[in-house]
Protein backbone atom coordinates (compact mmCIF):
# COMPACT_ATOMS: atom_id res chain seq x y z
CA MET A 1 38.85 -1.33 -20.36
CA ARG A 2 36.86 -4.43 -19.50
CA SER A 3 38.16 -4.43 -15.91
CA SER A 4 37.11 -0.80 -15.42
CA LYS A 5 33.56 -1.67 -16.55
CA ILE A 6 33.43 -4.57 -14.10
CA LEU A 7 34.74 -2.34 -11.31
CA PHE A 8 32.10 0.28 -12.15
CA ILE A 9 29.32 -2.34 -12.02
CA ILE A 10 30.56 -3.64 -8.66
CA ILE A 11 30.68 -0.14 -7.17
CA LEU A 12 27.23 0.69 -8.54
CA ALA A 13 25.74 -2.55 -7.20
CA SER A 14 27.20 -2.01 -3.73
CA ALA A 15 25.97 1.59 -3.62
CA LEU A 16 22.44 0.54 -4.55
CA SER A 17 22.36 -2.18 -1.92
CA CYS A 18 23.32 0.10 1.00
CA LYS A 19 20.80 0.35 3.81
CA LYS A 20 19.13 3.74 4.15
CA ASP A 21 19.40 5.39 7.58
CA SER A 22 16.37 7.63 7.27
CA PRO A 23 13.14 7.20 5.31
CA SER A 24 12.77 8.71 1.84
CA ALA A 25 10.37 11.56 1.25
CA GLY A 26 7.56 9.26 0.08
CA ASP A 27 8.02 6.52 2.68
CA PRO A 28 5.71 6.59 5.72
CA LEU A 29 7.53 7.09 9.00
CA LYS A 30 7.56 4.23 11.46
CA ALA A 31 7.93 4.61 15.20
CA ASN A 32 11.46 4.03 16.45
CA ALA A 33 10.87 5.30 19.99
CA GLU A 34 8.22 5.97 22.63
CA ILE A 35 7.82 8.97 24.88
CA VAL A 36 6.79 7.37 28.16
CA ALA A 37 6.69 10.26 30.65
CA PHE A 38 7.22 13.92 31.32
CA ARG A 39 8.94 14.92 34.55
CA PRO A 40 8.11 18.47 35.68
CA GLU A 41 10.58 18.56 38.60
CA LYS A 42 13.06 21.41 38.27
CA CYS A 43 16.21 19.79 39.61
CA GLY A 44 19.46 18.74 37.97
CA CYS A 45 18.79 15.80 35.62
CA CYS A 46 15.09 15.64 36.57
CA TRP A 47 13.16 17.84 34.12
CA GLY A 48 12.02 16.65 30.72
CA TRP A 49 10.60 13.92 28.56
CA VAL A 50 11.55 10.30 29.21
CA ILE A 51 12.06 8.36 25.98
CA ARG A 52 12.54 4.64 25.31
CA MET A 53 14.58 3.96 22.19
CA ASP A 54 16.43 0.83 21.11
CA GLY A 55 15.97 -0.85 24.49
CA ASP A 56 17.47 2.09 26.39
CA THR A 57 15.99 5.04 28.25
CA ILE A 58 17.10 8.60 27.55
CA LYS A 59 15.77 12.07 28.33
CA ALA A 60 15.20 15.28 26.40
CA ASP A 61 14.92 18.67 28.08
CA SER A 62 13.36 20.20 24.96
CA LEU A 63 11.54 19.00 21.86
CA PRO A 64 11.22 20.60 18.41
CA ASP A 65 7.44 20.99 18.98
CA PRO A 66 6.59 20.23 22.63
CA ASP A 67 2.89 21.00 22.10
CA ALA A 68 2.61 18.09 19.64
CA ILE A 69 3.53 15.71 22.48
CA GLY A 70 2.26 17.59 25.49
CA TYR A 71 3.16 17.42 29.15
CA THR A 72 0.56 14.95 30.47
CA ILE A 73 1.46 11.48 29.21
CA ILE A 74 -0.88 8.67 30.26
CA THR A 75 0.21 5.96 27.81
CA PRO A 76 3.43 5.74 25.76
CA ILE A 77 3.37 7.92 22.65
CA PRO A 78 4.92 6.30 19.55
CA VAL A 79 7.24 8.68 17.72
CA TYR A 80 9.83 8.76 14.99
CA LEU A 81 12.85 10.69 16.16
CA GLU A 82 16.36 11.47 15.07
CA LEU A 83 18.82 12.03 17.90
CA GLY A 84 21.49 14.63 18.02
CA GLY A 85 24.40 14.43 20.39
CA MET A 86 24.40 14.01 24.14
CA LYS A 87 23.65 17.33 25.88
CA GLN A 88 24.23 16.36 29.50
CA ASP A 89 25.63 13.21 31.08
CA CYS A 90 23.66 12.32 34.21
CA SER A 91 25.10 8.83 34.71
CA SER A 92 27.24 9.81 37.71
CA LEU A 93 24.26 10.76 39.90
CA PRO A 94 23.31 8.51 42.86
CA LYS A 95 21.19 5.56 41.75
CA THR A 96 18.27 6.41 44.09
CA ASP A 97 16.24 7.62 41.08
CA PRO A 98 17.02 5.44 38.05
CA VAL A 99 15.44 7.89 35.58
CA ALA A 100 17.51 10.80 36.88
CA THR A 101 20.69 8.92 35.95
CA LYS A 102 19.66 8.82 32.27
CA SER A 103 21.44 11.37 30.09
CA TYR A 104 19.91 14.17 28.03
CA TYR A 105 20.11 14.14 24.23
CA SER A 106 19.19 16.77 21.69
CA ILE A 107 16.36 15.85 19.34
CA ARG A 108 16.93 16.84 15.71
CA LYS A 109 13.60 15.60 14.37
CA LEU A 110 10.43 14.38 16.06
CA ASP A 111 7.19 13.18 14.45
CA ARG A 112 4.28 11.73 16.36
CA ILE A 113 3.09 8.46 14.81
CA PRO A 114 -0.69 7.97 14.82
């Protein structure tokens, strides 16, 4: 009986100490990415928003609310976003345009950070 109580306390303590992946409802969102450009060209792996996240550059061909970000980006826009899976792998394109070789990801959640 005593060992089951100790085991329960250990499991409870480890569950409470786990790092949260996304903010709680009351926590303010913090920027985890920046939207740095919008590319209007309509070619394979050209169109879309260019995003810097975790030291890497990715692209999105659609956003949950594109009007909240816009299409004319002068300075980087801080955002909180949650990525979905990769939509299109563009890494095999010729390296003449380094942004075109960045892959597209789906965006599950996007909030502009003031």
